[in-house]
PDB file of N, CA and C in Angstrom:
ATOM      1  N   UNK A   1     -57.848   2.325  50.238  1.00  0.00           N
ATOM      2  CA  UNK A   1     -58.061   3.377  49.295  1.00  0.00           C
ATOM      3  C   UNK A   1     -58.917   2.928  48.116  1.00  0.00           C
ATOM      4  N   UNK A   2     -58.750   1.720  47.643  1.00  0.00           N
ATOM      5  CA  UNK A   2     -59.495   1.272  46.466  1.00  0.00           C
ATOM      6  C   UNK A   2     -60.998   1.228  46.728  1.00  0.00           C
ATOM      7  N   UNK A   3     -61.405   0.843  47.926  1.00  0.00           N
ATOM      8  CA  UNK A   3     -62.833   0.834  48.253  1.00  0.00           C
ATOM      9  C   UNK A   3     -63.376   2.261  48.259  1.00  0.00           C
ATOM     10  N   UNK A   4     -62.590   3.192  48.764  1.00  0.00           N
ATOM     11  CA  UNK A   4     -63.003   4.593  48.794  1.00  0.00           C
ATOM     12  C   UNK A   4     -63.107   5.146  47.366  1.00  0.00           C
ATOM     13  N   UNK A   5     -62.181   4.771  46.505  1.00  0.00           N
ATOM     14  CA  UNK A   5     -62.214   5.204  45.110  1.00  0.00           C
ATOM     15  C   UNK A   5     -63.434   4.638  44.388  1.00  0.00           C
ATOM     16  N   UNK A   6     -63.695   3.351  44.576  1.00  0.00           N
ATOM     17  CA  UNK A   6     -64.865   2.737  43.937  1.00  0.00           C
ATOM     18  C   UNK A   6     -66.161   3.364  44.432  1.00  0.00           C
ATOM     19  N   UNK A   7     -66.221   3.650  45.712  1.00  0.00           N
ATOM     20  CA  UNK A   7     -67.398   4.308  46.279  1.00  0.00           C
ATOM     21  C   UNK A   7     -67.564   5.693  45.664  1.00  0.00           C
ATOM     22  N   UNK A   8     -66.473   6.418  45.552  1.00  0.00           N
ATOM     23  CA  UNK A   8     -66.513   7.746  44.963  1.00  0.00           C
ATOM     24  C   UNK A   8     -66.963   7.691  43.503  1.00  0.00           C
ATOM     25  N   UNK A   9     -66.423   6.740  42.758  1.00  0.00           N
ATOM     26  CA  UNK A   9     -66.817   6.576  41.354  1.00  0.00           C
ATOM     27  C   UNK A   9     -68.300   6.251  41.237  1.00  0.00           C
ATOM     28  N   UNK A  10     -68.776   5.342  42.052  1.00  0.00           N
ATOM     29  CA  UNK A  10     -70.178   4.923  41.995  1.00  0.00           C
ATOM     30  C   UNK A  10     -71.116   6.052  42.390  1.00  0.00           C
ATOM     31  N   UNK A  11     -70.836   6.706  43.503  1.00  0.00           N
ATOM     32  CA  UNK A  11     -71.696   7.804  43.963  1.00  0.00           C
ATOM     33  C   UNK A  11     -71.717   8.922  42.936  1.00  0.00           C
ATOM     34  N   UNK A  12     -70.558   9.275  42.431  1.00  0.00           N
ATOM     35  CA  UNK A  12     -70.468  10.353  41.459  1.00  0.00           C
ATOM     36  C   UNK A  12     -71.259  10.033  40.191  1.00  0.00           C
ATOM     37  N   UNK A  13     -71.109   8.823  39.683  1.00  0.00           N
ATOM     38  CA  UNK A  13     -71.802   8.457  38.453  1.00  0.00           C
ATOM     39  C   UNK A  13     -73.318   8.409  38.649  1.00  0.00           C
ATOM     40  N   UNK A  14     -73.766   7.773  39.704  1.00  0.00           N
ATOM     41  CA  UNK A  14     -75.210   7.675  39.958  1.00  0.00           C
ATOM     42  C   UNK A  14     -75.816   9.062  40.173  1.00  0.00           C
ATOM     43  N   UNK A  15     -75.148   9.867  40.968  1.00  0.00           N
ATOM     44  CA  UNK A  15     -75.641  11.221  41.237  1.00  0.00           C
ATOM     45  C   UNK A  15     -75.676  12.049  39.952  1.00  0.00           C
ATOM     46  N   UNK A  16     -74.621  11.956  39.158  1.00  0.00           N
ATOM     47  CA  UNK A  16     -74.560  12.703  37.898  1.00  0.00           C
ATOM     48  C   UNK A  16     -75.668  12.271  36.949  1.00  0.00           C
ATOM     49  N   UNK A  17     -75.834  10.972  36.769  1.00  0.00           N
ATOM     50  CA  UNK A  17     -76.878  10.479  35.867  1.00  0.00           C
ATOM     51  C   UNK A  17     -78.260  10.930  36.324  1.00  0.00           C
ATOM     52  N   UNK A  18     -78.525  10.807  37.612  1.00  0.00           N
ATOM     53  CA  UNK A  18     -79.843  11.182  38.137  1.00  0.00           C
ATOM     54  C   UNK A  18     -80.093  12.684  37.998  1.00  0.00           C
ATOM     55  N   UNK A  19     -79.140  13.489  38.431  1.00  0.00           N
ATOM     56  CA  UNK A  19     -79.348  14.943  38.408  1.00  0.00           C
ATOM     57  C   UNK A  19     -79.417  15.498  36.994  1.00  0.00           C
ATOM     58  N   UNK A  20     -78.561  15.020  36.113  1.00  0.00           N
ATOM     59  CA  UNK A  20     -78.576  15.542  34.755  1.00  0.00           C
ATOM     60  C   UNK A  20     -79.821  15.070  33.995  1.00  0.00           C
ATOM     61  N   UNK A  21     -80.305  13.878  34.303  1.00  0.00           N
ATOM     62  CA  UNK A  21     -81.556  13.410  33.691  1.00  0.00           C
ATOM     63  C   UNK A  21     -82.737  14.244  34.202  1.00  0.00           C
ATOM     64  N   UNK A  22     -82.746  14.550  35.484  1.00  0.00           N
ATOM     65  CA  UNK A  22     -83.815  15.389  36.046  1.00  0.00           C
ATOM     66  C   UNK A  22     -83.755  16.783  35.426  1.00  0.00           C
ATOM     67  N   UNK A  23     -82.559  17.343  35.311  1.00  0.00           N
ATOM     68  CA  UNK A  23     -82.406  18.654  34.668  1.00  0.00           C
ATOM     69  C   UNK A  23     -82.939  18.607  33.237  1.00  0.00           C
ATOM     70  N   UNK A  24     -82.578  17.580  32.507  1.00  0.00           N
ATOM     71  CA  UNK A  24     -83.040  17.358  31.134  1.00  0.00           C
ATOM     72  C   UNK A  24     -84.569  17.419  31.077  1.00  0.00           C
ATOM     73  N   UNK A  25     -85.215  16.707  31.985  1.00  0.00           N
ATOM     74  CA  UNK A  25     -86.679  16.658  32.004  1.00  0.00           C
ATOM     75  C   UNK A  25     -87.297  17.976  32.486  1.00  0.00           C
ATOM     76  N   UNK A  26     -86.669  18.596  33.480  1.00  0.00           N
ATOM     77  CA  UNK A  26     -87.208  19.844  34.032  1.00  0.00           C
ATOM     78  C   UNK A  26     -87.219  20.988  33.027  1.00  0.00           C
ATOM     79  N   UNK A  27     -86.279  20.983  32.098  1.00  0.00           N
ATOM     80  CA  UNK A  27     -86.272  22.068  31.113  1.00  0.00           C
ATOM     81  C   UNK A  27     -87.138  21.734  29.904  1.00  0.00           C
ATOM     82  N   UNK A  28     -87.896  20.639  30.013  1.00  0.00           N
ATOM     83  CA  UNK A  28     -88.887  20.321  28.999  1.00  0.00           C
ATOM     84  C   UNK A  28     -88.433  19.398  27.889  1.00  0.00           C
ATOM     85  N   UNK A  29     -87.262  18.831  28.015  1.00  0.00           N
ATOM     86  CA  UNK A  29     -86.795  17.897  26.994  1.00  0.00           C
ATOM     87  C   UNK A  29     -87.470  16.549  27.223  1.00  0.00           C
ATOM     88  N   UNK A  30     -87.903  15.925  26.130  1.00  0.00           N
ATOM     89  CA  UNK A  30     -88.587  14.643  26.245  1.00  0.00           C
ATOM     90  C   UNK A  30     -88.103  13.597  25.246  1.00  0.00           C
ATOM     91  N   UNK A  31     -87.196  13.979  24.359  1.00  0.00           N
ATOM     92  CA  UNK A  31     -86.725  13.045  23.344  1.00  0.00           C
ATOM     93  C   UNK A  31     -85.930  11.912  24.004  1.00  0.00           C
ATOM     94  N   UNK A  32     -86.402  10.687  23.840  1.00  0.00           N
ATOM     95  CA  UNK A  32     -85.773   9.538  24.492  1.00  0.00           C
ATOM     96  C   UNK A  32     -84.362   9.284  23.981  1.00  0.00           C
ATOM     97  N   UNK A  33     -84.121   9.545  22.705  1.00  0.00           N
ATOM     98  CA  UNK A  33     -82.765   9.351  22.173  1.00  0.00           C
ATOM     99  C   UNK A  33     -81.801  10.394  22.725  1.00  0.00           C
ATOM    100  N   UNK A  34     -82.265  11.615  22.924  1.00  0.00           N
ATOM    101  CA  UNK A  34     -81.416  12.640  23.549  1.00  0.00           C
ATOM    102  C   UNK A  34     -81.126  12.290  25.010  1.00  0.00           C
ATOM    103  N   UNK A  35     -82.113  11.739  25.703  1.00  0.00           N
ATOM    104  CA  UNK A  35     -81.892  11.313  27.087  1.00  0.00           C
ATOM    105  C   UNK A  35     -80.891  10.166  27.128  1.00  0.00           C
ATOM    106  N   UNK A  36     -81.017   9.229  26.235  1.00  0.00           N
ATOM    107  CA  UNK A  36     -80.054   8.132  26.159  1.00  0.00           C
ATOM    108  C   UNK A  36     -78.653   8.664  25.855  1.00  0.00           C
ATOM    109  N   UNK A  37     -78.557   9.627  24.946  1.00  0.00           N
ATOM    110  CA  UNK A  37     -77.266  10.248  24.640  1.00  0.00           C
ATOM    111  C   UNK A  37     -76.672  10.887  25.886  1.00  0.00           C
ATOM    112  N   UNK A  38     -77.487  11.615  26.638  1.00  0.00           N
ATOM    113  CA  UNK A  38     -77.027  12.238  27.877  1.00  0.00           C
ATOM    114  C   UNK A  38     -76.460  11.182  28.828  1.00  0.00           C
ATOM    115  N   UNK A  39     -77.175  10.087  28.989  1.00  0.00           N
ATOM    116  CA  UNK A  39     -76.726   9.038  29.903  1.00  0.00           C
ATOM    117  C   UNK A  39     -75.426   8.394  29.415  1.00  0.00           C
ATOM    118  N   UNK A  40     -75.350   8.091  28.135  1.00  0.00           N
ATOM    119  CA  UNK A  40     -74.151   7.446  27.591  1.00  0.00           C
ATOM    120  C   UNK A  40     -72.923   8.349  27.662  1.00  0.00           C
ATOM    121  N   UNK A  41     -73.105   9.610  27.318  1.00  0.00           N
ATOM    122  CA  UNK A  41     -71.979  10.544  27.357  1.00  0.00           C
ATOM    123  C   UNK A  41     -71.458  10.682  28.789  1.00  0.00           C
ATOM    124  N   UNK A  42     -72.363  10.729  29.748  1.00  0.00           N
ATOM    125  CA  UNK A  42     -71.937  10.849  31.144  1.00  0.00           C
ATOM    126  C   UNK A  42     -71.295   9.572  31.667  1.00  0.00           C
ATOM    127  N   UNK A  43     -71.723   8.422  31.182  1.00  0.00           N
ATOM    128  CA  UNK A  43     -71.090   7.160  31.577  1.00  0.00           C
ATOM    129  C   UNK A  43     -69.632   7.147  31.110  1.00  0.00           C
ATOM    130  N   UNK A  44     -69.355   7.844  30.022  1.00  0.00           N
ATOM    131  CA  UNK A  44     -67.984   7.919  29.526  1.00  0.00           C
ATOM    132  C   UNK A  44     -67.184   9.001  30.253  1.00  0.00           C
ATOM    133  N   UNK A  45     -67.725  10.215  30.321  1.00  0.00           N
ATOM    134  CA  UNK A  45     -66.935  11.330  30.862  1.00  0.00           C
ATOM    135  C   UNK A  45     -66.793  11.316  32.384  1.00  0.00           C
ATOM    136  N   UNK A  46     -67.842  10.945  33.094  1.00  0.00           N
ATOM    137  CA  UNK A  46     -67.788  11.023  34.554  1.00  0.00           C
ATOM    138  C   UNK A  46     -66.685  10.164  35.165  1.00  0.00           C
ATOM    139  N   UNK A  47     -66.582   8.883  34.826  1.00  0.00           N
ATOM    140  CA  UNK A  47     -65.488   8.097  35.418  1.00  0.00           C
ATOM    141  C   UNK A  47     -64.096   8.611  35.042  1.00  0.00           C
ATOM    142  N   UNK A  48     -63.949   9.122  33.830  1.00  0.00           N
ATOM    143  CA  UNK A  48     -62.655   9.686  33.425  1.00  0.00           C
ATOM    144  C   UNK A  48     -62.288  10.865  34.306  1.00  0.00           C
ATOM    145  N   UNK A  49     -63.241  11.751  34.530  1.00  0.00           N
ATOM    146  CA  UNK A  49     -62.994  12.939  35.350  1.00  0.00           C
ATOM    147  C   UNK A  49     -62.710  12.548  36.801  1.00  0.00           C
ATOM    148  N   UNK A  50     -63.529  11.679  37.362  1.00  0.00           N
ATOM    149  CA  UNK A  50     -63.362  11.300  38.773  1.00  0.00           C
ATOM    150  C   UNK A  50     -62.042  10.556  38.983  1.00  0.00           C
ATOM    151  N   UNK A  51     -61.754   9.603  38.126  1.00  0.00           N
ATOM    152  CA  UNK A  51     -60.508   8.842  38.270  1.00  0.00           C
ATOM    153  C   UNK A  51     -59.289   9.734  38.053  1.00  0.00           C
ATOM    154  N   UNK A  52     -59.337  10.597  37.058  1.00  0.00           N
ATOM    155  CA  UNK A  52     -58.214  11.518  36.804  1.00  0.00           C
ATOM    156  C   UNK A  52     -57.998  12.445  37.985  1.00  0.00           C
ATOM    157  N   UNK A  53     -59.094  12.913  38.575  1.00  0.00           N
ATOM    158  CA  UNK A  53     -58.979  13.778  39.749  1.00  0.00           C
ATOM    159  C   UNK A  53     -58.297  13.046  40.896  1.00  0.00           C
ATOM    160  N   UNK A  54     -58.770  11.846  41.185  1.00  0.00           N
ATOM    161  CA  UNK A  54     -58.182  11.060  42.269  1.00  0.00           C
ATOM    162  C   UNK A  54     -56.699  10.812  42.036  1.00  0.00           C
ATOM    163  N   UNK A  55     -56.353  10.377  40.847  1.00  0.00           N
ATOM    164  CA  UNK A  55     -54.958  10.065  40.548  1.00  0.00           C
ATOM    165  C   UNK A  55     -54.071  11.300  40.646  1.00  0.00           C
ATOM    166  N   UNK A  56     -54.533  12.401  40.100  1.00  0.00           N
ATOM    167  CA  UNK A  56     -53.746  13.635  40.146  1.00  0.00           C
ATOM    168  C   UNK A  56     -53.622  14.159  41.572  1.00  0.00           C
ATOM    169  N   UNK A  57     -54.711  14.121  42.308  1.00  0.00           N
ATOM    170  CA  UNK A  57     -54.686  14.637  43.678  1.00  0.00           C
ATOM    171  C   UNK A  57     -53.832  13.767  44.595  1.00  0.00           C
ATOM    172  N   UNK A  58     -53.881  12.461  44.407  1.00  0.00           N
ATOM    173  CA  UNK A  58     -53.150  11.564  45.300  1.00  0.00           C
ATOM    174  C   UNK A  58     -51.677  11.404  44.939  1.00  0.00           C
ATOM    175  N   UNK A  59     -51.401  11.295  43.643  1.00  0.00           N
ATOM    176  CA  UNK A  59     -50.050  10.927  43.247  1.00  0.00           C
ATOM    177  C   UNK A  59     -49.226  12.064  42.656  1.00  0.00           C
ATOM    178  N   UNK A  60     -49.857  13.086  42.163  1.00  0.00           N
ATOM    179  CA  UNK A  60     -49.101  14.185  41.564  1.00  0.00           C
ATOM    180  C   UNK A  60     -48.861  15.312  42.567  1.00  0.00           C
ATOM    181  N   UNK A  61     -49.532  15.233  43.711  1.00  0.00           N
ATOM    182  CA  UNK A  61     -49.376  16.238  44.756  1.00  0.00           C
ATOM    183  C   UNK A  61     -49.696  17.643  44.233  1.00  0.00           C
ATOM    184  N   UNK A  62     -50.721  17.737  43.388  1.00  0.00           N
ATOM    185  CA  UNK A  62     -51.156  19.020  42.856  1.00  0.00           C
ATOM    186  C   UNK A  62     -52.297  19.560  43.699  1.00  0.00           C
ATOM    187  N   UNK A  63     -52.531  20.831  43.588  1.00  0.00           N
ATOM    188  CA  UNK A  63     -53.662  21.462  44.251  1.00  0.00           C
ATOM    189  C   UNK A  63     -54.957  20.885  43.669  1.00  0.00           C
ATOM    190  N   UNK A  64     -55.762  20.307  44.516  1.00  0.00           N
ATOM    191  CA  UNK A  64     -56.977  19.613  44.071  1.00  0.00           C
ATOM    192  C   UNK A  64     -57.933  20.539  43.315  1.00  0.00           C
ATOM    193  N   UNK A  65     -58.080  21.760  43.764  1.00  0.00           N
ATOM    194  CA  UNK A  65     -59.004  22.692  43.114  1.00  0.00           C
ATOM    195  C   UNK A  65     -58.523  23.051  41.705  1.00  0.00           C
ATOM    196  N   UNK A  66     -57.216  23.172  41.536  1.00  0.00           N
ATOM    197  CA  UNK A  66     -56.690  23.502  40.209  1.00  0.00           C
ATOM    198  C   UNK A  66     -56.843  22.338  39.231  1.00  0.00           C
ATOM    199  N   UNK A  67     -56.859  21.148  39.751  1.00  0.00           N
ATOM    200  CA  UNK A  67     -57.051  19.963  38.909  1.00  0.00           C
ATOM    201  C   UNK A  67     -58.469  19.945  38.347  1.00  0.00           C
ATOM    202  N   UNK A  68     -59.410  20.413  39.142  1.00  0.00           N
ATOM    203  CA  UNK A  68     -60.815  20.364  38.741  1.00  0.00           C
ATOM    204  C   UNK A  68     -61.134  21.209  37.518  1.00  0.00           C
ATOM    205  N   UNK A  69     -60.465  22.325  37.368  1.00  0.00           N
ATOM    206  CA  UNK A  69     -60.798  23.237  36.270  1.00  0.00           C
ATOM    207  C   UNK A  69     -60.639  22.571  34.904  1.00  0.00           C
ATOM    208  N   UNK A  70     -59.466  22.034  34.565  1.00  0.00           N
ATOM    209  CA  UNK A  70     -59.356  21.395  33.244  1.00  0.00           C
ATOM    210  C   UNK A  70     -60.203  20.131  33.111  1.00  0.00           C
ATOM    211  N   UNK A  71     -60.387  19.404  34.200  1.00  0.00           N
ATOM    212  CA  UNK A  71     -61.210  18.194  34.128  1.00  0.00           C
ATOM    213  C   UNK A  71     -62.678  18.520  33.865  1.00  0.00           C
ATOM    214  N   UNK A  72     -63.203  19.499  34.557  1.00  0.00           N
ATOM    215  CA  UNK A  72     -64.599  19.891  34.332  1.00  0.00           C
ATOM    216  C   UNK A  72     -64.763  20.525  32.954  1.00  0.00           C
ATOM    217  N   UNK A  73     -63.765  21.273  32.522  1.00  0.00           N
ATOM    218  CA  UNK A  73     -63.804  21.844  31.178  1.00  0.00           C
ATOM    219  C   UNK A  73     -63.827  20.735  30.126  1.00  0.00           C
ATOM    220  N   UNK A  74     -63.025  19.701  30.344  1.00  0.00           N
ATOM    221  CA  UNK A  74     -63.034  18.536  29.459  1.00  0.00           C
ATOM    222  C   UNK A  74     -64.442  17.941  29.384  1.00  0.00           C
ATOM    223  N   UNK A  75     -65.081  17.764  30.530  1.00  0.00           N
ATOM    224  CA  UNK A  75     -66.422  17.166  30.566  1.00  0.00           C
ATOM    225  C   UNK A  75     -67.433  18.041  29.827  1.00  0.00           C
ATOM    226  N   UNK A  76     -67.428  19.329  30.103  1.00  0.00           N
ATOM    227  CA  UNK A  76     -68.385  20.241  29.469  1.00  0.00           C
ATOM    228  C   UNK A  76     -68.201  20.256  27.955  1.00  0.00           C
ATOM    229  N   UNK A  77     -66.960  20.381  27.512  1.00  0.00           N
ATOM    230  CA  UNK A  77     -66.702  20.456  26.067  1.00  0.00           C
ATOM    231  C   UNK A  77     -66.988  19.141  25.356  1.00  0.00           C
ATOM    232  N   UNK A  78     -66.605  18.035  25.981  1.00  0.00           N
ATOM    233  CA  UNK A  78     -66.849  16.728  25.367  1.00  0.00           C
ATOM    234  C   UNK A  78     -68.337  16.447  25.272  1.00  0.00           C
ATOM    235  N   UNK A  79     -69.050  16.657  26.355  1.00  0.00           N
ATOM    236  CA  UNK A  79     -70.488  16.413  26.349  1.00  0.00           C
ATOM    237  C   UNK A  79     -71.194  17.355  25.386  1.00  0.00           C
ATOM    238  N   UNK A  80     -70.824  18.635  25.408  1.00  0.00           N
ATOM    239  CA  UNK A  80     -71.426  19.593  24.494  1.00  0.00           C
ATOM    240  C   UNK A  80     -71.207  19.204  23.040  1.00  0.00           C
ATOM    241  N   UNK A  81     -70.013  18.723  22.735  1.00  0.00           N
ATOM    242  CA  UNK A  81     -69.705  18.281  21.371  1.00  0.00           C
ATOM    243  C   UNK A  81     -70.639  17.151  20.940  1.00  0.00           C
ATOM    244  N   UNK A  82     -70.805  16.165  21.812  1.00  0.00           N
ATOM    245  CA  UNK A  82     -71.666  15.036  21.457  1.00  0.00           C
ATOM    246  C   UNK A  82     -73.139  15.433  21.388  1.00  0.00           C
ATOM    247  N   UNK A  83     -73.569  16.356  22.253  1.00  0.00           N
ATOM    248  CA  UNK A  83     -74.951  16.827  22.166  1.00  0.00           C
ATOM    249  C   UNK A  83     -75.171  17.561  20.845  1.00  0.00           C
ATOM    250  N   UNK A  84     -74.179  18.342  20.435  1.00  0.00           N
ATOM    251  CA  UNK A  84     -74.294  19.089  19.178  1.00  0.00           C
ATOM    252  C   UNK A  84     -74.265  18.153  17.970  1.00  0.00           C
ATOM    253  N   UNK A  85     -73.346  17.202  17.998  1.00  0.00           N
ATOM    254  CA  UNK A  85     -73.150  16.328  16.842  1.00  0.00           C
ATOM    255  C   UNK A  85     -74.247  15.262  16.713  1.00  0.00           C
ATOM    256  N   UNK A  86     -74.684  14.699  17.829  1.00  0.00           N
ATOM    257  CA  UNK A  86     -75.600  13.557  17.777  1.00  0.00           C
ATOM    258  C   UNK A  86     -76.979  13.825  18.379  1.00  0.00           C
ATOM    259  N   UNK A  87     -77.134  14.940  19.075  1.00  0.00           N
ATOM    260  CA  UNK A  87     -78.421  15.237  19.697  1.00  0.00           C
ATOM    261  C   UNK A  87     -79.437  15.711  18.684  1.00  0.00           C
ATOM    262  N   UNK A  88     -80.683  15.500  19.017  1.00  0.00           N
ATOM    263  CA  UNK A  88     -81.766  15.925  18.130  1.00  0.00           C
ATOM    264  C   UNK A  88     -82.282  17.315  18.481  1.00  0.00           C
ATOM    265  N   UNK A  89     -82.403  17.590  19.774  1.00  0.00           N
ATOM    266  CA  UNK A  89     -83.068  18.822  20.210  1.00  0.00           C
ATOM    267  C   UNK A  89     -82.244  19.591  21.237  1.00  0.00           C
ATOM    268  N   UNK A  90     -80.961  19.746  21.005  1.00  0.00           N
ATOM    269  CA  UNK A  90     -80.117  20.560  21.868  1.00  0.00           C
ATOM    270  C   UNK A  90     -79.803  21.843  21.102  1.00  0.00           C
ATOM    271  N   UNK A  91     -80.581  22.905  21.359  1.00  0.00           N
ATOM    272  CA  UNK A  91     -80.360  24.165  20.650  1.00  0.00           C
ATOM    273  C   UNK A  91     -79.051  24.825  21.078  1.00  0.00           C
ATOM    274  N   UNK A  92     -78.720  24.725  22.318  1.00  0.00           N
ATOM    275  CA  UNK A  92     -77.477  25.289  22.855  1.00  0.00           C
ATOM    276  C   UNK A  92     -76.760  24.177  23.623  1.00  0.00           C
ATOM    277  N   UNK A  93     -76.138  23.266  22.911  1.00  0.00           N
ATOM    278  CA  UNK A  93     -75.580  22.067  23.557  1.00  0.00           C
ATOM    279  C   UNK A  93     -74.487  22.354  24.584  1.00  0.00           C
ATOM    280  N   UNK A  94     -73.654  23.349  24.321  1.00  0.00           N
ATOM    281  CA  UNK A  94     -72.575  23.645  25.269  1.00  0.00           C
ATOM    282  C   UNK A  94     -73.115  24.331  26.519  1.00  0.00           C
ATOM    283  N   UNK A  95     -74.115  25.164  26.375  1.00  0.00           N
ATOM    284  CA  UNK A  95     -74.743  25.787  27.536  1.00  0.00           C
ATOM    285  C   UNK A  95     -75.473  24.735  28.364  1.00  0.00           C
ATOM    286  N   UNK A  96     -76.184  23.841  27.686  1.00  0.00           N
ATOM    287  CA  UNK A  96     -76.844  22.749  28.395  1.00  0.00           C
ATOM    288  C   UNK A  96     -75.812  21.948  29.183  1.00  0.00           C
ATOM    289  N   UNK A  97     -74.714  21.591  28.534  1.00  0.00           N
ATOM    290  CA  UNK A  97     -73.665  20.809  29.177  1.00  0.00           C
ATOM    291  C   UNK A  97     -73.080  21.553  30.379  1.00  0.00           C
ATOM    292  N   UNK A  98     -72.827  22.841  30.223  1.00  0.00           N
ATOM    293  CA  UNK A  98     -72.262  23.640  31.315  1.00  0.00           C
ATOM    294  C   UNK A  98     -73.196  23.657  32.520  1.00  0.00           C
ATOM    295  N   UNK A  99     -74.466  23.940  32.296  1.00  0.00           N
ATOM    296  CA  UNK A  99     -75.415  24.020  33.414  1.00  0.00           C
ATOM    297  C   UNK A  99     -75.608  22.648  34.067  1.00  0.00           C
ATOM    298  N   UNK A 100     -75.760  21.608  33.252  1.00  0.00           N
ATOM    299  CA  UNK A 100     -75.940  20.260  33.796  1.00  0.00           C
ATOM    300  C   UNK A 100     -74.732  19.859  34.641  1.00  0.00           C
ATOM    301  N   UNK A 101     -73.536  20.166  34.160  1.00  0.00           N
ATOM    302  CA  UNK A 101     -72.334  19.826  34.915  1.00  0.00           C
ATOM    303  C   UNK A 101     -72.186  20.666  36.174  1.00  0.00           C
ATOM    304  N   UNK A 102     -72.614  21.920  36.125  1.00  0.00           N
ATOM    305  CA  UNK A 102     -72.570  22.746  37.332  1.00  0.00           C
ATOM    306  C   UNK A 102     -73.502  22.176  38.401  1.00  0.00           C
ATOM    307  N   UNK A 103     -74.667  21.720  37.973  1.00  0.00           N
ATOM    308  CA  UNK A 103     -75.623  21.131  38.917  1.00  0.00           C
ATOM    309  C   UNK A 103     -75.043  19.864  39.543  1.00  0.00           C
ATOM    310  N   UNK A 104     -74.540  18.960  38.715  1.00  0.00           N
ATOM    311  CA  UNK A 104     -74.026  17.698  39.264  1.00  0.00           C
ATOM    312  C   UNK A 104     -72.744  17.921  40.066  1.00  0.00           C
ATOM    313  N   UNK A 105     -71.906  18.852  39.638  1.00  0.00           N
ATOM    314  CA  UNK A 105     -70.694  19.151  40.402  1.00  0.00           C
ATOM    315  C   UNK A 105     -71.048  19.726  41.775  1.00  0.00           C
ATOM    316  N   UNK A 106     -71.975  20.673  41.787  1.00  0.00           N
ATOM    317  CA  UNK A 106     -72.401  21.275  43.055  1.00  0.00           C
ATOM    318  C   UNK A 106     -72.991  20.255  44.009  1.00  0.00           C
ATOM    319  N   UNK A 107     -73.811  19.377  43.485  1.00  0.00           N
ATOM    320  CA  UNK A 107     -74.393  18.321  44.325  1.00  0.00           C
ATOM    321  C   UNK A 107     -73.296  17.379  44.822  1.00  0.00           C
ATOM    322  N   UNK A 108     -72.353  17.077  43.954  1.00  0.00           N
ATOM    323  CA  UNK A 108     -71.234  16.220  44.357  1.00  0.00           C
ATOM    324  C   UNK A 108     -70.410  16.838  45.472  1.00  0.00           C
ATOM    325  N   UNK A 109     -70.218  18.146  45.398  1.00  0.00           N
ATOM    326  CA  UNK A 109     -69.491  18.836  46.464  1.00  0.00           C
ATOM    327  C   UNK A 109     -70.251  18.760  47.788  1.00  0.00           C
ATOM    328  N   UNK A 110     -71.572  18.891  47.730  1.00  0.00           N
ATOM    329  CA  UNK A 110     -72.378  18.769  48.949  1.00  0.00           C
ATOM    330  C   UNK A 110     -72.274  17.364  49.544  1.00  0.00           C
ATOM    331  N   UNK A 111     -72.339  16.357  48.702  1.00  0.00           N
ATOM    332  CA  UNK A 111     -72.204  14.972  49.166  1.00  0.00           C
ATOM    333  C   UNK A 111     -70.821  14.757  49.775  1.00  0.00           C
ATOM    334  N   UNK A 112     -69.801  15.274  49.102  1.00  0.00           N
ATOM    335  CA  UNK A 112     -68.438  15.127  49.613  1.00  0.00           C
ATOM    336  C   UNK A 112     -68.305  15.769  50.993  1.00  0.00           C
ATOM    337  N   UNK A 113     -68.873  16.947  51.153  1.00  0.00           N
ATOM    338  CA  UNK A 113     -68.819  17.624  52.451  1.00  0.00           C
ATOM    339  C   UNK A 113     -69.554  16.831  53.523  1.00  0.00           C
ATOM    340  N   UNK A 114     -70.694  16.240  53.170  1.00  0.00           N
ATOM    341  CA  UNK A 114     -71.458  15.454  54.135  1.00  0.00           C
ATOM    342  C   UNK A 114     -70.722  14.164  54.513  1.00  0.00           C
ATOM    343  N   UNK A 115     -70.075  13.536  53.537  1.00  0.00           N
ATOM    344  CA  UNK A 115     -69.397  12.270  53.806  1.00  0.00           C
ATOM    345  C   UNK A 115     -68.024  12.423  54.446  1.00  0.00           C
ATOM    346  N   UNK A 116     -67.280  13.412  53.959  1.00  0.00           N
ATOM    347  CA  UNK A 116     -65.865  13.506  54.365  1.00  0.00           C
ATOM    348  C   UNK A 116     -65.532  14.790  55.125  1.00  0.00           C
ATOM    349  N   UNK A 117     -66.491  15.673  55.276  1.00  0.00           N
ATOM    350  CA  UNK A 117     -66.230  16.911  55.982  1.00  0.00           C
ATOM    351  C   UNK A 117     -65.519  17.935  55.108  1.00  0.00           C
ATOM    352  N   UNK A 118     -65.216  19.089  55.685  1.00  0.00           N
ATOM    353  CA  UNK A 118     -64.618  20.210  54.950  1.00  0.00           C
ATOM    354  C   UNK A 118     -63.278  19.933  54.462  1.00  0.00           C
TER     355      UNK A 118
END
């Protein structure tokens, strides 16, 4: 199980960093400090969300989908807060955070389906 957890953590973090950075660039953002902020905030929130999900799903015997709602909400709100407080050019930091997280979550679900099936 630990190898599977580490693989999940690594894939999730790399995918999140790559997709959210691409989203950042695609919407025309170019500030290097804002990009660094995006990367740092995700390095903090992503492992917390993934590890909390695994622990809750495996040991608490809770419905996995219901666990995701508060965890993803935590990520969106935390990231949005830091974009608002420390970002230079985030006009709508919470909306940016929501869309970026929806993109990375959706991609993560596709990867999960490809690796582990339905």
